[in-house]
Amino acid sequence: MQGMLETSTFYLGADKDFANSVFDSLEGDVTGDDNVLIRMDLEKKEKDILPVRLKRISCTLNQYAENCKIITRDVFKFFALEQ
């Protein structure tokens, strides 16, 4: 198989500052090496427009697992407290 395979998508909401703060707290390397196995992108998506990648990190499997925990925790707190 060639290319990348998307395994998950996290919706961080429409608050740009929140999305950036969550992404900036993730573990990984920001060098942008395209030969890594796990890559996480922060993308801006708008209706009827192709997504635009804003940031990218490369991470190990352990870092990816920790990043999933961080995202889930922060998004839950953000949206729970917003109510």
PDB file of N, CA and C in Angstrom:
ATOM      1  N   MET A   1       0.845  -1.184   0.000  1.00  0.00           N
ATOM      2  CA  MET A   1       0.000   0.000   0.000  1.00  0.00           C
ATOM      3  C   MET A   1       0.889   1.246   0.000  1.00  0.00           C
ATOM      4  N   GLN A   2       0.555   2.203  -0.801  1.00  0.00           N
ATOM      5  CA  GLN A   2       1.312   3.447  -0.909  1.00  0.00           C
ATOM      6  C   GLN A   2       0.516   4.592  -0.297  1.00  0.00           C
ATOM      7  N   GLY A   3       1.210   5.602   0.199  1.00  0.00           N
ATOM      8  CA  GLY A   3       0.551   6.794   0.710  1.00  0.00           C
ATOM      9  C   GLY A   3       0.147   6.665   2.162  1.00  0.00           C
ATOM     10  N   MET A   4      -0.667   7.613   2.598  1.00  0.00           N
ATOM     11  CA  MET A   4      -1.098   7.677   3.988  1.00  0.00           C
ATOM     12  C   MET A   4      -2.487   7.069   4.139  1.00  0.00           C
ATOM     13  N   LEU A   5      -2.740   6.542   5.310  1.00  0.00           N
ATOM     14  CA  LEU A   5      -4.046   5.994   5.664  1.00  0.00           C
ATOM     15  C   LEU A   5      -4.560   6.762   6.861  1.00  0.00           C
ATOM     16  N   GLU A   6      -5.716   7.392   6.734  1.00  0.00           N
ATOM     17  CA  GLU A   6      -6.297   8.123   7.850  1.00  0.00           C
ATOM     18  C   GLU A   6      -6.955   7.129   8.788  1.00  0.00           C
ATOM     19  N   THR A   7      -6.579   7.197  10.060  1.00  0.00           N
ATOM     20  CA  THR A   7      -7.139   6.264  11.031  1.00  0.00           C
ATOM     21  C   THR A   7      -8.124   6.911  11.982  1.00  0.00           C
ATOM     22  N   SER A   8      -8.052   8.224  12.147  1.00  0.00           N
ATOM     23  CA  SER A   8      -8.989   8.891  13.049  1.00  0.00           C
ATOM     24  C   SER A   8      -9.031  10.381  12.756  1.00  0.00           C
ATOM     25  N   THR A   9     -10.115  10.992  13.196  1.00  0.00           N
ATOM     26  CA  THR A   9     -10.294  12.428  13.090  1.00  0.00           C
ATOM     27  C   THR A   9     -10.876  12.922  14.404  1.00  0.00           C
ATOM     28  N   PHE A  10     -10.317  13.977  14.935  1.00  0.00           N
ATOM     29  CA  PHE A  10     -10.833  14.590  16.152  1.00  0.00           C
ATOM     30  C   PHE A  10     -11.366  15.967  15.789  1.00  0.00           C
ATOM     31  N   TYR A  11     -12.591  16.258  16.195  1.00  0.00           N
ATOM     32  CA  TYR A  11     -13.167  17.579  15.967  1.00  0.00           C
ATOM     33  C   TYR A  11     -12.879  18.432  17.194  1.00  0.00           C
ATOM     34  N   LEU A  12     -12.119  19.501  17.009  1.00  0.00           N
ATOM     35  CA  LEU A  12     -11.747  20.361  18.126  1.00  0.00           C
ATOM     36  C   LEU A  12     -12.635  21.594  18.232  1.00  0.00           C
ATOM     37  N   GLY A  13     -13.624  21.708  17.378  1.00  0.00           N
ATOM     38  CA  GLY A  13     -14.536  22.834  17.431  1.00  0.00           C
ATOM     39  C   GLY A  13     -14.080  23.988  16.560  1.00  0.00           C
ATOM     40  N   ALA A  14     -14.804  25.084  16.651  1.00  0.00           N
ATOM     41  CA  ALA A  14     -14.551  26.237  15.791  1.00  0.00           C
ATOM     42  C   ALA A  14     -13.667  27.289  16.447  1.00  0.00           C
ATOM     43  N   ASP A  15     -13.333  27.105  17.715  1.00  0.00           N
ATOM     44  CA  ASP A  15     -12.499  28.065  18.435  1.00  0.00           C
ATOM     45  C   ASP A  15     -11.032  27.838  18.053  1.00  0.00           C
ATOM     46  N   LYS A  16     -10.475  28.740  17.246  1.00  0.00           N
ATOM     47  CA  LYS A  16      -9.114  28.584  16.733  1.00  0.00           C
ATOM     48  C   LYS A  16      -8.078  28.571  17.848  1.00  0.00           C
ATOM     49  N   ASP A  17      -8.252  29.424  18.848  1.00  0.00           N
ATOM     50  CA  ASP A  17      -7.294  29.476  19.954  1.00  0.00           C
ATOM     51  C   ASP A  17      -7.285  28.160  20.731  1.00  0.00           C
ATOM     52  N   PHE A  18      -8.464  27.600  20.980  1.00  0.00           N
ATOM     53  CA  PHE A  18      -8.549  26.321  21.679  1.00  0.00           C
ATOM     54  C   PHE A  18      -7.885  25.220  20.860  1.00  0.00           C
ATOM     55  N   ALA A  19      -8.200  25.140  19.581  1.00  0.00           N
ATOM     56  CA  ALA A  19      -7.638  24.099  18.723  1.00  0.00           C
ATOM     57  C   ALA A  19      -6.112  24.200  18.685  1.00  0.00           C
ATOM     58  N   ASN A  20      -5.590  25.407  18.563  1.00  0.00           N
ATOM     59  CA  ASN A  20      -4.136  25.600  18.553  1.00  0.00           C
ATOM     60  C   ASN A  20      -3.503  25.225  19.886  1.00  0.00           C
ATOM     61  N   SER A  21      -4.154  25.576  20.995  1.00  0.00           N
ATOM     62  CA  SER A  21      -3.577  25.254  22.307  1.00  0.00           C
ATOM     63  C   SER A  21      -3.547  23.749  22.535  1.00  0.00           C
ATOM     64  N   VAL A  22      -4.591  23.035  22.117  1.00  0.00           N
ATOM     65  CA  VAL A  22      -4.602  21.583  22.254  1.00  0.00           C
ATOM     66  C   VAL A  22      -3.501  20.979  21.389  1.00  0.00           C
ATOM     67  N   PHE A  23      -3.431  21.386  20.138  1.00  0.00           N
ATOM     68  CA  PHE A  23      -2.433  20.811  19.233  1.00  0.00           C
ATOM     69  C   PHE A  23      -1.017  21.108  19.719  1.00  0.00           C
ATOM     70  N   ASP A  24      -0.794  22.303  20.242  1.00  0.00           N
ATOM     71  CA  ASP A  24       0.532  22.672  20.724  1.00  0.00           C
ATOM     72  C   ASP A  24       0.940  21.880  21.963  1.00  0.00           C
ATOM     73  N   SER A  25      -0.019  21.302  22.672  1.00  0.00           N
ATOM     74  CA  SER A  25       0.294  20.528  23.876  1.00  0.00           C
ATOM     75  C   SER A  25       0.603  19.061  23.566  1.00  0.00           C
ATOM     76  N   LEU A  26       0.461  18.650  22.308  1.00  0.00           N
ATOM     77  CA  LEU A  26       0.681  17.253  21.935  1.00  0.00           C
ATOM     78  C   LEU A  26       2.162  16.913  21.885  1.00  0.00           C
ATOM     79  N   GLU A  27       2.443  15.623  22.105  1.00  0.00           N
ATOM     80  CA  GLU A  27       3.818  15.127  22.049  1.00  0.00           C
ATOM     81  C   GLU A  27       4.167  14.754  20.617  1.00  0.00           C
ATOM     82  N   GLY A  28       5.399  15.020  20.215  1.00  0.00           N
ATOM     83  CA  GLY A  28       5.846  14.665  18.879  1.00  0.00           C
ATOM     84  C   GLY A  28       6.906  15.617  18.374  1.00  0.00           C
ATOM     85  N   ASP A  29       7.307  15.383  17.157  1.00  0.00           N
ATOM     86  CA  ASP A  29       8.384  16.130  16.525  1.00  0.00           C
ATOM     87  C   ASP A  29       7.795  16.997  15.415  1.00  0.00           C
ATOM     88  N   VAL A  30       8.103  18.271  15.430  1.00  0.00           N
ATOM     89  CA  VAL A  30       7.547  19.198  14.443  1.00  0.00           C
ATOM     90  C   VAL A  30       8.426  19.367  13.212  1.00  0.00           C
ATOM     91  N   THR A  31       9.456  18.532  13.059  1.00  0.00           N
ATOM     92  CA  THR A  31      10.359  18.693  11.918  1.00  0.00           C
ATOM     93  C   THR A  31       9.683  18.411  10.587  1.00  0.00           C
ATOM     94  N   GLY A  32       8.576  17.662  10.602  1.00  0.00           N
ATOM     95  CA  GLY A  32       7.850  17.415   9.366  1.00  0.00           C
ATOM     96  C   GLY A  32       8.435  16.334   8.494  1.00  0.00           C
ATOM     97  N   ASP A  33       9.096  15.350   9.065  1.00  0.00           N
ATOM     98  CA  ASP A  33       9.660  14.239   8.298  1.00  0.00           C
ATOM     99  C   ASP A  33       8.529  13.423   7.683  1.00  0.00           C
ATOM    100  N   ASP A  34       8.472  13.332   6.370  1.00  0.00           N
ATOM    101  CA  ASP A  34       7.397  12.613   5.683  1.00  0.00           C
ATOM    102  C   ASP A  34       7.574  11.099   5.700  1.00  0.00           C
ATOM    103  N   ASN A  35       8.696  10.609   6.234  1.00  0.00           N
ATOM    104  CA  ASN A  35       8.952   9.168   6.249  1.00  0.00           C
ATOM    105  C   ASN A  35       8.553   8.507   7.567  1.00  0.00           C
ATOM    106  N   VAL A  36       7.804   9.176   8.406  1.00  0.00           N
ATOM    107  CA  VAL A  36       7.388   8.609   9.688  1.00  0.00           C
ATOM    108  C   VAL A  36       6.133   7.766   9.498  1.00  0.00           C
ATOM    109  N   LEU A  37       5.886   6.897  10.460  1.00  0.00           N
ATOM    110  CA  LEU A  37       4.712   6.043  10.368  1.00  0.00           C
ATOM    111  C   LEU A  37       3.445   6.720  10.878  1.00  0.00           C
ATOM    112  N   ILE A  38       3.574   7.571  11.902  1.00  0.00           N
ATOM    113  CA  ILE A  38       2.390   8.224  12.467  1.00  0.00           C
ATOM    114  C   ILE A  38       2.560   9.731  12.374  1.00  0.00           C
ATOM    115  N   ARG A  39       1.566  10.359  11.807  1.00  0.00           N
ATOM    116  CA  ARG A  39       1.589  11.804  11.592  1.00  0.00           C
ATOM    117  C   ARG A  39       0.251  12.363  12.063  1.00  0.00           C
ATOM    118  N   MET A  40       0.286  13.489  12.727  1.00  0.00           N
ATOM    119  CA  MET A  40      -0.940  14.165  13.150  1.00  0.00           C
ATOM    120  C   MET A  40      -0.944  15.563  12.541  1.00  0.00           C
ATOM    121  N   ASP A  41      -2.065  15.924  11.940  1.00  0.00           N
ATOM    122  CA  ASP A  41      -2.208  17.226  11.298  1.00  0.00           C
ATOM    123  C   ASP A  41      -3.316  18.015  11.967  1.00  0.00           C
ATOM    124  N   LEU A  42      -3.115  19.309  12.100  1.00  0.00           N
ATOM    125  CA  LEU A  42      -4.179  20.223  12.487  1.00  0.00           C
ATOM    126  C   LEU A  42      -4.653  20.864  11.200  1.00  0.00           C
ATOM    127  N   GLU A  43      -5.919  20.649  10.876  1.00  0.00           N
ATOM    128  CA  GLU A  43      -6.467  21.163   9.622  1.00  0.00           C
ATOM    129  C   GLU A  43      -7.629  22.097   9.877  1.00  0.00           C
ATOM    130  N   LYS A  44      -7.747  23.062   9.013  1.00  0.00           N
ATOM    131  CA  LYS A  44      -8.891  23.967   9.013  1.00  0.00           C
ATOM    132  C   LYS A  44      -9.836  23.465   7.930  1.00  0.00           C
ATOM    133  N   LYS A  45     -11.081  23.210   8.325  1.00  0.00           N
ATOM    134  CA  LYS A  45     -12.063  22.732   7.354  1.00  0.00           C
ATOM    135  C   LYS A  45     -13.240  23.694   7.307  1.00  0.00           C
ATOM    136  N   GLU A  46     -13.623  24.019   6.094  1.00  0.00           N
ATOM    137  CA  GLU A  46     -14.789  24.864   5.871  1.00  0.00           C
ATOM    138  C   GLU A  46     -15.678  24.189   4.845  1.00  0.00           C
ATOM    139  N   LYS A  47     -16.949  24.462   4.923  1.00  0.00           N
ATOM    140  CA  LYS A  47     -17.910  23.849   4.022  1.00  0.00           C
ATOM    141  C   LYS A  47     -17.551  24.144   2.570  1.00  0.00           C
ATOM    142  N   ASP A  48     -17.571  23.110   1.750  1.00  0.00           N
ATOM    143  CA  ASP A  48     -17.333  23.202   0.302  1.00  0.00           C
ATOM    144  C   ASP A  48     -15.922  23.672  -0.074  1.00  0.00           C
ATOM    145  N   ILE A  49     -14.971  23.601   0.873  1.00  0.00           N
ATOM    146  CA  ILE A  49     -13.585  23.981   0.593  1.00  0.00           C
ATOM    147  C   ILE A  49     -12.687  22.845   1.064  1.00  0.00           C
ATOM    148  N   LEU A  50     -11.642  22.528   0.298  1.00  0.00           N
ATOM    149  CA  LEU A  50     -10.710  21.488   0.705  1.00  0.00           C
ATOM    150  C   LEU A  50     -10.011  21.889   2.012  1.00  0.00           C
ATOM    151  N   PRO A  51      -9.718  20.915   2.884  1.00  0.00           N
ATOM    152  CA  PRO A  51      -9.031  21.225   4.145  1.00  0.00           C
ATOM    153  C   PRO A  51      -7.648  21.834   3.906  1.00  0.00           C
ATOM    154  N   VAL A  52      -7.250  22.704   4.814  1.00  0.00           N
ATOM    155  CA  VAL A  52      -5.940  23.346   4.765  1.00  0.00           C
ATOM    156  C   VAL A  52      -5.156  22.898   6.001  1.00  0.00           C
ATOM    157  N   ARG A  53      -3.976  22.303   5.798  1.00  0.00           N
ATOM    158  CA  ARG A  53      -3.148  21.880   6.927  1.00  0.00           C
ATOM    159  C   ARG A  53      -2.468  23.093   7.534  1.00  0.00           C
ATOM    160  N   LEU A  54      -2.677  23.281   8.845  1.00  0.00           N
ATOM    161  CA  LEU A  54      -2.078  24.402   9.556  1.00  0.00           C
ATOM    162  C   LEU A  54      -0.796  24.003  10.270  1.00  0.00           C
ATOM    163  N   LYS A  55      -0.794  22.783  10.853  1.00  0.00           N
ATOM    164  CA  LYS A  55       0.369  22.298  11.596  1.00  0.00           C
ATOM    165  C   LYS A  55       0.460  20.789  11.431  1.00  0.00           C
ATOM    166  N   ARG A  56       1.682  20.258  11.677  1.00  0.00           N
ATOM    167  CA  ARG A  56       1.890  18.810  11.578  1.00  0.00           C
ATOM    168  C   ARG A  56       2.935  18.388  12.603  1.00  0.00           C
ATOM    169  N   ILE A  57       2.697  17.226  13.216  1.00  0.00           N
ATOM    170  CA  ILE A  57       3.720  16.609  14.054  1.00  0.00           C
ATOM    171  C   ILE A  57       3.854  15.146  13.657  1.00  0.00           C
ATOM    172  N   SER A  58       5.039  14.598  13.895  1.00  0.00           N
ATOM    173  CA  SER A  58       5.317  13.180  13.713  1.00  0.00           C
ATOM    174  C   SER A  58       5.465  12.583  15.102  1.00  0.00           C
ATOM    175  N   CYS A  59       4.926  11.389  15.309  1.00  0.00           N
ATOM    176  CA  CYS A  59       5.010  10.813  16.642  1.00  0.00           C
ATOM    177  C   CYS A  59       5.142   9.295  16.609  1.00  0.00           C
ATOM    178  N   THR A  60       5.607   8.768  17.733  1.00  0.00           N
ATOM    179  CA  THR A  60       5.694   7.330  17.918  1.00  0.00           C
ATOM    180  C   THR A  60       4.314   6.807  18.309  1.00  0.00           C
ATOM    181  N   LEU A  61       4.168   5.505  18.346  1.00  0.00           N
ATOM    182  CA  LEU A  61       2.901   4.919  18.766  1.00  0.00           C
ATOM    183  C   LEU A  61       2.556   5.321  20.198  1.00  0.00           C
ATOM    184  N   ASN A  62       3.548   5.325  21.093  1.00  0.00           N
ATOM    185  CA  ASN A  62       3.296   5.724  22.481  1.00  0.00           C
ATOM    186  C   ASN A  62       2.890   7.195  22.573  1.00  0.00           C
ATOM    187  N   GLN A  63       3.539   8.046  21.801  1.00  0.00           N
ATOM    188  CA  GLN A  63       3.164   9.462  21.779  1.00  0.00           C
ATOM    189  C   GLN A  63       1.763   9.642  21.214  1.00  0.00           C
ATOM    190  N   TYR A  64       1.430   8.878  20.190  1.00  0.00           N
ATOM    191  CA  TYR A  64       0.095   8.961  19.596  1.00  0.00           C
ATOM    192  C   TYR A  64      -0.965   8.584  20.628  1.00  0.00           C
ATOM    193  N   ALA A  65      -0.716   7.509  21.381  1.00  0.00           N
ATOM    194  CA  ALA A  65      -1.667   7.088  22.420  1.00  0.00           C
ATOM    195  C   ALA A  65      -1.840   8.190  23.458  1.00  0.00           C
ATOM    196  N   GLU A  66      -0.743   8.811  23.872  1.00  0.00           N
ATOM    197  CA  GLU A  66      -0.821   9.907  24.848  1.00  0.00           C
ATOM    198  C   GLU A  66      -1.545  11.109  24.241  1.00  0.00           C
ATOM    199  N   ASN A  67      -1.302  11.392  22.971  1.00  0.00           N
ATOM    200  CA  ASN A  67      -1.979  12.508  22.304  1.00  0.00           C
ATOM    201  C   ASN A  67      -3.485  12.293  22.236  1.00  0.00           C
ATOM    202  N   CYS A  68      -3.913  11.066  21.998  1.00  0.00           N
ATOM    203  CA  CYS A  68      -5.352  10.761  21.982  1.00  0.00           C
ATOM    204  C   CYS A  68      -5.966  11.044  23.345  1.00  0.00           C
ATOM    205  N   LYS A  69      -5.254  10.707  24.415  1.00  0.00           N
ATOM    206  CA  LYS A  69      -5.731  10.992  25.777  1.00  0.00           C
ATOM    207  C   LYS A  69      -5.837  12.495  26.006  1.00  0.00           C
ATOM    208  N   ILE A  70      -4.809  13.222  25.579  1.00  0.00           N
ATOM    209  CA  ILE A  70      -4.794  14.679  25.763  1.00  0.00           C
ATOM    210  C   ILE A  70      -5.953  15.324  25.020  1.00  0.00           C
ATOM    211  N   ILE A  71      -6.149  14.949  23.775  1.00  0.00           N
ATOM    212  CA  ILE A  71      -7.231  15.523  22.968  1.00  0.00           C
ATOM    213  C   ILE A  71      -8.585  15.211  23.584  1.00  0.00           C
ATOM    214  N   THR A  72      -8.811  13.958  23.943  1.00  0.00           N
ATOM    215  CA  THR A  72     -10.094  13.558  24.512  1.00  0.00           C
ATOM    216  C   THR A  72     -10.376  14.309  25.807  1.00  0.00           C
ATOM    217  N   ARG A  73      -9.383  14.390  26.681  1.00  0.00           N
ATOM    218  CA  ARG A  73      -9.546  15.097  27.956  1.00  0.00           C
ATOM    219  C   ARG A  73      -9.858  16.571  27.729  1.00  0.00           C
ATOM    220  N   ASP A  74      -9.058  17.243  26.897  1.00  0.00           N
ATOM    221  CA  ASP A  74      -9.223  18.680  26.700  1.00  0.00           C
ATOM    222  C   ASP A  74     -10.534  19.023  25.996  1.00  0.00           C
ATOM    223  N   VAL A  75     -10.908  18.236  25.004  1.00  0.00           N
ATOM    224  CA  VAL A  75     -12.167  18.490  24.293  1.00  0.00           C
ATOM    225  C   VAL A  75     -13.354  18.253  25.222  1.00  0.00           C
ATOM    226  N   PHE A  76     -13.296  17.191  26.018  1.00  0.00           N
ATOM    227  CA  PHE A  76     -14.386  16.926  26.961  1.00  0.00           C
ATOM    228  C   PHE A  76     -14.530  18.082  27.943  1.00  0.00           C
ATOM    229  N   LYS A  77     -13.426  18.541  28.529  1.00  0.00           N
ATOM    230  CA  LYS A  77     -13.490  19.652  29.483  1.00  0.00           C
ATOM    231  C   LYS A  77     -14.003  20.919  28.812  1.00  0.00           C
ATOM    232  N   PHE A  78     -13.519  21.205  27.619  1.00  0.00           N
ATOM    233  CA  PHE A  78     -13.914  22.425  26.918  1.00  0.00           C
ATOM    234  C   PHE A  78     -15.416  22.450  26.634  1.00  0.00           C
ATOM    235  N   PHE A  79     -15.929  21.367  26.057  1.00  0.00           N
ATOM    236  CA  PHE A  79     -17.334  21.345  25.692  1.00  0.00           C
ATOM    237  C   PHE A  79     -18.246  21.140  26.890  1.00  0.00           C
ATOM    238  N   ALA A  80     -17.792  20.442  27.920  1.00  0.00           N
ATOM    239  CA  ALA A  80     -18.596  20.253  29.131  1.00  0.00           C
ATOM    240  C   ALA A  80     -18.729  21.571  29.896  1.00  0.00           C
ATOM    241  N   LEU A  81     -17.664  22.325  29.955  1.00  0.00           N
ATOM    242  CA  LEU A  81     -17.704  23.591  30.680  1.00  0.00           C
ATOM    243  C   LEU A  81     -18.388  24.686  29.878  1.00  0.00           C
ATOM    244  N   GLU A  82     -18.466  24.498  28.565  1.00  0.00           N
ATOM    245  CA  GLU A  82     -19.119  25.480  27.704  1.00  0.00           C
ATOM    246  C   GLU A  82     -20.630  25.502  27.928  1.00  0.00           C
ATOM    247  N   GLN A  83     -21.190  24.380  28.338  1.00  0.00           N
ATOM    248  CA  GLN A  83     -22.646  24.249  28.529  1.00  0.00           C
ATOM    249  C   GLN A  83     -23.141  25.060  29.696  1.00  0.00           C
TER     250      GLN A  83
END
